[in-house]
Amino acid sequence: MRLLRRIRRVARSLIFYSLIMFLAILFTGALVIYIIEHGHNPSIRNYFDAVWFVMETITTVGYGDIVPATFWGRVADMVIMPLGIAVVSLLTASIATELTSASIMRNLGRHTSSRGGHIVVIGGVSKALNVITEIINNMERGNRFWDITYLYDGERPSSLPSDVEFVRGNPFNRDDLIRAGVDKASIVIILPFDEQDPVSSDAKVALLVMSVRGLNRDSYIIAEVLNQGNVGYVLNAGANSVVSLGSFTTTVIAKEIFDRGASSALMNLIRRIDIMDSKDFIGLRFGDALERLRISGRGILIGVVRGGDVLINPGNDYTIQSGDSLLVVS
């Protein structure tokens, strides 16, 4: 990796210096040709004609529309040709080397993301892949799309979708977080790192939440903890939403005991629930909003989110206010 970075630095330097030499040969050579040929060569009426001739020569295009008419013009062209061809070859090779090295580093995840307003997923591979797959499925169903970047300190997972950007780096390293574009991300998802040790995993999640919040005050941070008792700590660290899979799992299992098939029904229901902006329904009663959504075919209204409280079926006379969000089953 150090060798690749060194190659890129050398390639960039060569691109810069060869470009300077190319321009110097082009305009200096054109000036020499113009001074020698002007007045003797009807094809070179002005300085631009000389520039055109030298450009044809050093790029080996050679249209033949302009040729030297004097002895010293041919001598000057004999000097310009090898110098120009050598510089153009060096410039082309340097650009090719830079592009190839950049492609290799991107495939290895060692590049710096240029994205902004995207989703960054951080965490263990198995959970991250499942979350990314579910995000993509939801985007396709809802026709809403974000770029996704996965930050992980390891090799690129073979099953990671090709359109998901992979950045290899230590998520606890500030520079690597910036390489993944955390400072410009719209949403950051932080998943457990070590499911064998819930205490250590939740501590890492809390620490990472603080780091991300320090880099980006506006991003929406979603974190998962393994211990329900740590939800408050992670919220205080700066997360906007904290999911405790353990508490959800125990609730679903207990429900399944008394209502067979409840777990499958709950999972299917969760996948189909959308949170909708209420701007088109402000001032309407819950029952009227439910009927309007049903008739339009946009879904079934089941509740309202107000000030962090979730109100399921609050009653037909409940009035929807500005700032509310609607829970809709698509």
Protein backbone atom coordinates (compact mmCIF):
# COMPACT_ATOMS: atom_id res chain seq x y z
CA MET A 1 0.00 0.00 0.00
CA ARG A 2 2.87 2.37 0.73
CA LEU A 3 4.31 1.49 -2.67
CA LEU A 4 1.00 2.38 -4.35
CA ARG A 5 0.86 5.72 -2.56
CA ARG A 6 4.46 6.44 -3.55
CA ILE A 7 3.68 5.55 -7.17
CA ARG A 8 0.70 7.92 -7.14
CA ARG A 9 2.80 10.75 -5.72
CA VAL A 10 5.43 10.24 -8.39
CA ALA A 11 2.78 9.99 -11.13
CA ARG A 12 1.14 13.23 -10.00
CA SER A 13 4.49 15.02 -9.96
CA LEU A 14 5.28 13.72 -13.45
CA ILE A 15 1.87 14.81 -14.73
CA PHE A 16 2.46 18.33 -13.41
CA TYR A 17 6.00 18.72 -14.72
CA SER A 18 5.35 17.03 -18.06
CA LEU A 19 2.33 19.27 -18.60
CA ILE A 20 4.49 22.33 -17.91
CA MET A 21 7.12 21.03 -20.35
CA PHE A 22 4.45 20.27 -22.95
CA LEU A 23 3.10 23.83 -22.79
CA ALA A 24 6.63 25.26 -22.84
CA ILE A 25 7.58 23.26 -25.96
CA LEU A 26 4.25 24.08 -27.62
CA PHE A 27 4.33 27.85 -27.19
CA THR A 28 8.10 28.35 -27.30
CA GLY A 29 8.41 26.10 -30.35
CA ALA A 30 5.52 27.95 -32.01
CA LEU A 31 7.26 31.27 -31.35
CA VAL A 32 10.50 30.01 -32.95
CA ILE A 33 8.62 28.63 -35.97
CA TYR A 34 6.64 31.86 -36.33
CA ILE A 35 9.79 34.02 -36.23
CA ILE A 36 11.56 31.83 -38.81
CA GLU A 37 8.66 31.03 -41.15
CA HIS A 38 6.53 34.19 -41.06
CA GLY A 39 6.92 36.07 -44.30
CA HIS A 40 8.45 33.04 -46.01
CA ASN A 41 5.65 30.51 -45.55
CA PRO A 42 2.15 31.48 -46.78
CA SER A 43 0.64 28.82 -44.50
CA ILE A 44 1.89 30.58 -41.37
CA ARG A 45 0.12 33.91 -41.41
CA ASN A 46 -0.02 34.47 -37.65
CA TYR A 47 1.16 33.03 -34.33
CA PHE A 48 -1.88 30.75 -34.01
CA ASP A 49 -0.94 29.02 -37.28
CA ALA A 50 2.46 28.28 -35.75
CA VAL A 51 0.86 26.91 -32.57
CA TRP A 52 -1.40 24.69 -34.71
CA PHE A 53 1.58 23.38 -36.65
CA VAL A 54 3.60 22.55 -33.52
CA MET A 55 0.56 20.85 -31.91
CA GLU A 56 0.17 18.67 -35.01
CA THR A 57 3.86 17.83 -34.90
CA ILE A 58 4.33 16.88 -31.23
CA THR A 59 1.10 14.87 -31.10
CA THR A 60 2.16 13.00 -34.28
CA VAL A 61 -1.15 13.83 -35.98
CA GLY A 62 0.54 15.42 -38.98
CA TYR A 63 -2.35 16.61 -41.14
CA GLY A 64 0.16 18.00 -43.63
CA ASP A 65 -1.75 21.26 -44.08
CA ILE A 66 1.29 23.21 -42.85
CA VAL A 67 4.95 22.29 -43.53
CA PRO A 68 8.17 24.25 -42.96
CA ALA A 69 9.23 26.25 -46.04
CA THR A 70 12.75 27.24 -44.92
CA PHE A 71 15.91 25.36 -44.00
CA TRP A 72 16.04 26.75 -40.45
CA GLY A 73 12.33 26.04 -40.05
CA ARG A 74 12.99 22.37 -40.79
CA VAL A 75 15.94 22.36 -38.38
CA ALA A 76 13.78 23.87 -35.63
CA ASP A 77 11.05 21.31 -36.34
CA MET A 78 13.61 18.47 -36.09
CA VAL A 79 14.36 19.63 -32.55
CA ILE A 80 10.72 20.17 -31.61
CA MET A 81 9.56 16.74 -32.82
CA PRO A 82 11.58 14.40 -30.54
CA LEU A 83 11.24 16.70 -27.52
CA GLY A 84 7.49 17.04 -27.97
CA ILE A 85 6.88 13.35 -28.63
CA ALA A 86 8.93 12.40 -25.55
CA VAL A 87 7.00 14.82 -23.30
CA VAL A 88 3.59 13.71 -24.67
CA SER A 89 4.55 10.06 -24.10
CA LEU A 90 5.64 10.86 -20.53
CA LEU A 91 2.41 12.78 -19.86
CA THR A 92 0.25 9.95 -21.24
CA ALA A 93 2.12 7.30 -19.24
CA SER A 94 1.88 9.36 -16.03
CA ILE A 95 -1.87 9.85 -16.42
CA ALA A 96 -2.36 6.13 -17.11
CA THR A 97 -0.31 5.26 -14.01
CA GLU A 98 -2.32 7.64 -11.84
CA LEU A 99 -5.65 6.26 -13.08
CA THR A 100 -4.54 2.65 -12.65
CA SER A 101 -3.21 3.27 -9.12
CA ALA A 102 -6.40 5.14 -8.17
CA SER A 103 -8.50 2.22 -9.45
CA ILE A 104 -6.45 -0.30 -7.47
CA MET A 105 -6.71 1.77 -4.28
CA ARG A 106 -10.48 2.13 -4.75
CA ASN A 107 -10.86 -1.63 -5.17
CA LEU A 108 -8.84 -2.12 -1.99
CA GLY A 109 -10.91 0.52 -0.18
CA ARG A 110 -7.91 2.77 0.45
CA HIS A 111 -9.29 5.80 -1.37
CA THR A 112 -11.06 8.89 0.00
CA SER A 113 -14.78 9.04 -0.68
CA SER A 114 -16.01 12.05 -2.64
CA ARG A 115 -19.64 11.48 -1.67
CA GLY A 116 -21.86 13.74 0.37
CA GLY A 117 -25.38 13.40 1.78
CA HIS A 118 -24.94 9.61 1.71
CA ILE A 119 -25.41 6.76 4.18
CA VAL A 120 -22.35 5.43 6.00
CA VAL A 121 -22.63 1.98 7.57
CA ILE A 122 -20.07 0.94 10.22
CA GLY A 123 -19.88 -2.36 12.04
CA GLY A 124 -19.40 -6.13 11.81
CA VAL A 125 -19.66 -7.71 8.37
CA SER A 126 -22.62 -10.09 8.80
CA LYS A 127 -24.90 -7.52 10.40
CA ALA A 128 -23.76 -4.75 8.07
CA LEU A 129 -24.48 -6.81 4.95
CA ASN A 130 -27.98 -7.63 6.19
CA VAL A 131 -28.69 -3.98 7.01
CA ILE A 132 -27.34 -2.77 3.64
CA THR A 133 -29.46 -5.34 1.79
CA GLU A 134 -32.56 -4.25 3.69
CA ILE A 135 -31.80 -0.56 3.01
CA ILE A 136 -31.48 -1.27 -0.72
CA ASN A 137 -34.76 -3.23 -0.71
CA ASN A 138 -36.55 -0.37 1.06
CA MET A 139 -35.10 2.20 -1.33
CA GLU A 140 -36.36 0.21 -4.30
CA ARG A 141 -39.82 -0.16 -2.78
CA GLY A 142 -40.08 3.48 -1.79
CA ASN A 143 -38.33 4.86 -4.90
CA ARG A 144 -35.96 6.85 -2.66
CA PHE A 145 -32.26 6.46 -3.20
CA TRP A 146 -29.07 7.27 -1.29
CA ASP A 147 -25.48 6.37 -1.98
CA ILE A 148 -24.19 3.87 0.58
CA THR A 149 -20.63 3.60 1.90
CA TYR A 150 -19.42 0.75 4.11
CA LEU A 151 -16.45 1.44 6.41
CA TYR A 152 -14.70 -1.67 7.70
CA ASP A 153 -11.19 -2.54 8.85
CA GLY A 154 -10.74 -5.63 6.69
CA GLU A 155 -11.02 -6.94 3.15
CA ARG A 156 -14.03 -5.98 1.04
CA PRO A 157 -16.76 -8.58 1.66
CA SER A 158 -17.34 -10.65 -1.47
CA SER A 159 -21.13 -10.38 -1.13
CA LEU A 160 -21.15 -6.59 -0.73
CA PRO A 161 -23.27 -5.14 -3.60
CA SER A 162 -21.10 -3.65 -6.33
CA ASP A 163 -22.81 -0.25 -6.16
CA VAL A 164 -21.98 0.09 -2.45
CA GLU A 165 -18.74 2.00 -1.93
CA PHE A 166 -16.23 0.20 0.28
CA VAL A 167 -13.70 2.12 2.37
CA ARG A 168 -11.17 0.12 4.33
CA GLY A 169 -10.10 1.77 7.55
CA ASN A 170 -10.25 1.83 11.32
CA PRO A 171 -13.58 3.42 12.33
CA PHE A 172 -11.95 4.69 15.52
CA ASN A 173 -9.39 6.63 13.49
CA ARG A 174 -10.56 10.17 12.72
CA ASP A 175 -8.80 10.25 9.35
CA ASP A 176 -10.47 7.02 8.24
CA LEU A 177 -13.89 8.34 9.28
CA ILE A 178 -13.26 11.40 7.11
CA ARG A 179 -12.10 9.18 4.22
CA ALA A 180 -15.50 7.47 4.39
CA GLY A 181 -17.20 10.87 4.24
CA VAL A 182 -18.73 10.71 7.73
CA ASP A 183 -18.31 14.47 8.03
CA LYS A 184 -20.56 14.93 4.95
CA ALA A 185 -22.96 12.02 5.47
CA SER A 186 -26.69 12.44 5.87
CA ILE A 187 -27.13 9.22 7.88
CA VAL A 188 -24.60 7.17 9.84
CA ILE A 189 -25.50 3.65 11.00
CA ILE A 190 -23.33 2.14 13.74
CA LEU A 191 -23.71 -1.59 14.35
CA PRO A 192 -22.21 -3.92 17.00
CA PHE A 193 -18.57 -4.94 16.56
CA ASP A 194 -18.19 -7.93 18.87
CA GLU A 195 -21.40 -9.79 19.60
CA GLN A 196 -19.55 -12.21 21.89
CA ASP A 197 -18.85 -9.41 24.35
CA PRO A 198 -21.90 -7.12 24.72
CA VAL A 199 -20.18 -4.79 27.23
CA SER A 200 -17.19 -4.15 24.97
CA SER A 201 -19.37 -3.89 21.86
CA ASP A 202 -21.73 -1.32 23.36
CA ALA A 203 -18.80 0.71 24.71
CA LYS A 204 -17.30 0.84 21.20
CA VAL A 205 -20.65 1.90 19.75
CA ALA A 206 -20.97 4.73 22.29
CA LEU A 207 -17.40 5.90 21.64
CA LEU A 208 -17.94 5.84 17.89
CA VAL A 209 -21.21 7.77 18.21
CA MET A 210 -19.31 10.54 20.04
CA SER A 211 -16.62 10.58 17.35
CA VAL A 212 -19.15 10.79 14.52
CA ARG A 213 -21.14 13.51 16.27
CA GLY A 214 -17.94 15.49 16.75
CA LEU A 215 -17.29 15.38 13.00
CA ASN A 216 -20.86 15.95 11.84
CA ARG A 217 -23.39 17.78 13.98
CA ASP A 218 -26.18 17.43 11.42
CA SER A 219 -26.05 13.74 10.54
CA TYR A 220 -28.80 11.41 11.72
CA ILE A 221 -27.06 8.70 13.75
CA ILE A 222 -28.70 5.31 14.19
CA ALA A 223 -26.93 2.92 16.57
CA GLU A 224 -27.56 -0.60 17.77
CA VAL A 225 -26.65 -1.87 21.23
CA LEU A 226 -26.75 -5.40 22.54
CA ASN A 227 -27.74 -4.48 26.09
CA GLN A 228 -31.02 -2.62 26.58
CA GLY A 229 -29.56 -0.90 29.64
CA ASN A 230 -27.04 0.96 27.47
CA VAL A 231 -29.60 2.71 25.27
CA GLY A 232 -29.58 5.84 27.42
CA TYR A 233 -25.78 6.11 27.37
CA VAL A 234 -25.63 5.91 23.59
CA LEU A 235 -28.42 8.49 23.24
CA ASN A 236 -26.48 10.81 25.54
CA ALA A 237 -23.38 10.23 23.41
CA GLY A 238 -25.17 11.85 20.47
CA ALA A 239 -27.21 9.18 18.69
CA ASN A 240 -30.61 10.19 17.31
CA SER A 241 -32.01 6.68 17.50
CA VAL A 242 -30.81 3.59 19.37
CA VAL A 243 -32.07 0.09 18.61
CA SER A 244 -31.76 -2.74 21.12
CA LEU A 245 -32.23 -5.92 19.15
CA GLY A 246 -32.14 -8.03 22.31
CA SER A 247 -35.21 -6.39 23.83
CA PHE A 248 -37.07 -6.61 20.53
CA THR A 249 -36.19 -10.29 20.14
CA THR A 250 -37.37 -11.20 23.64
CA THR A 251 -40.67 -9.38 23.06
CA VAL A 252 -41.27 -11.18 19.77
CA ILE A 253 -40.40 -14.58 21.29
CA ALA A 254 -42.75 -14.04 24.22
CA LYS A 255 -45.51 -12.95 21.85
CA GLU A 256 -44.99 -16.05 19.70
CA ILE A 257 -45.67 -18.31 22.69
CA PHE A 258 -49.23 -17.05 23.06
CA ASP A 259 -49.96 -16.09 19.44
CA ARG A 260 -48.47 -18.58 17.01
CA GLY A 261 -47.29 -16.89 13.81
CA ALA A 262 -47.02 -13.47 15.48
CA SER A 263 -43.28 -13.21 14.83
CA SER A 264 -43.65 -13.56 11.05
CA ALA A 265 -46.57 -11.15 11.03
CA LEU A 266 -44.64 -8.57 13.07
CA MET A 267 -41.58 -8.79 10.84
CA ASN A 268 -43.68 -8.36 7.70
CA LEU A 269 -45.53 -5.44 9.29
CA ILE A 270 -42.28 -3.69 10.25
CA ARG A 271 -40.96 -4.00 6.70
CA ARG A 272 -44.09 -2.31 5.33
CA ILE A 273 -44.35 0.58 7.82
CA ASP A 274 -43.36 4.00 6.48
CA ILE A 275 -43.14 7.32 8.33
CA MET A 276 -44.82 10.01 6.24
CA ASP A 277 -44.64 13.80 6.52
CA SER A 278 -47.99 15.22 7.67
CA LYS A 279 -47.79 18.55 5.78
CA ASP A 280 -50.70 17.59 3.48
CA PHE A 281 -52.88 16.51 6.40
CA ILE A 282 -52.39 19.28 8.98
CA GLY A 283 -55.72 20.23 10.57
CA LEU A 284 -57.45 17.03 9.47
CA ARG A 285 -58.93 14.58 11.92
CA PHE A 286 -57.26 11.18 12.12
CA GLY A 287 -60.31 9.44 10.62
CA ASP A 288 -60.44 11.84 7.66
CA ALA A 289 -56.70 11.44 7.00
CA LEU A 290 -57.05 7.64 7.17
CA GLU A 291 -59.88 7.75 4.59
CA ARG A 292 -57.95 10.08 2.26
CA LEU A 293 -54.88 7.82 2.31
CA ARG A 294 -57.00 4.72 1.75
CA ILE A 295 -58.81 6.22 -1.26
CA SER A 296 -55.54 7.48 -2.79
CA GLY A 297 -54.01 4.00 -2.44
CA ARG A 298 -50.97 5.37 -0.59
CA GLY A 299 -51.43 3.10 2.41
CA ILE A 300 -53.32 2.60 5.65
CA LEU A 301 -52.82 5.14 8.46
CA ILE A 302 -52.26 3.37 11.79
CA GLY A 303 -50.82 6.05 14.04
CA VAL A 304 -49.16 9.41 14.64
CA VAL A 305 -45.72 10.29 16.00
CA ARG A 306 -45.76 13.49 18.06
CA GLY A 307 -42.82 14.77 20.07
CA GLY A 308 -41.20 11.34 20.24
CA ASP A 309 -44.42 9.65 21.39
CA VAL A 310 -46.03 7.02 19.16
CA LEU A 311 -49.81 7.11 19.22
CA ILE A 312 -51.39 4.04 17.60
CA ASN A 313 -54.96 4.63 16.42
CA PRO A 314 -55.46 7.74 18.58
CA GLY A 315 -59.13 8.04 17.61
CA ASN A 316 -61.06 9.42 14.65
CA ASP A 317 -61.39 12.90 16.22
CA TYR A 318 -57.65 13.27 16.94
CA THR A 319 -56.39 16.35 15.04
CA ILE A 320 -53.13 16.15 13.13
CA GLN A 321 -50.82 19.08 13.88
CA SER A 322 -47.73 20.65 12.31
CA GLY A 323 -44.62 18.62 13.21
CA ASP A 324 -46.47 15.33 13.44
CA SER A 325 -45.39 12.31 11.43
CA LEU A 326 -47.77 9.66 10.15
CA LEU A 327 -47.28 5.91 10.54
CA VAL A 328 -48.51 4.32 7.32
CA VAL A 329 -48.60 0.67 6.26
CA SER A 330 -47.86 0.54 2.55
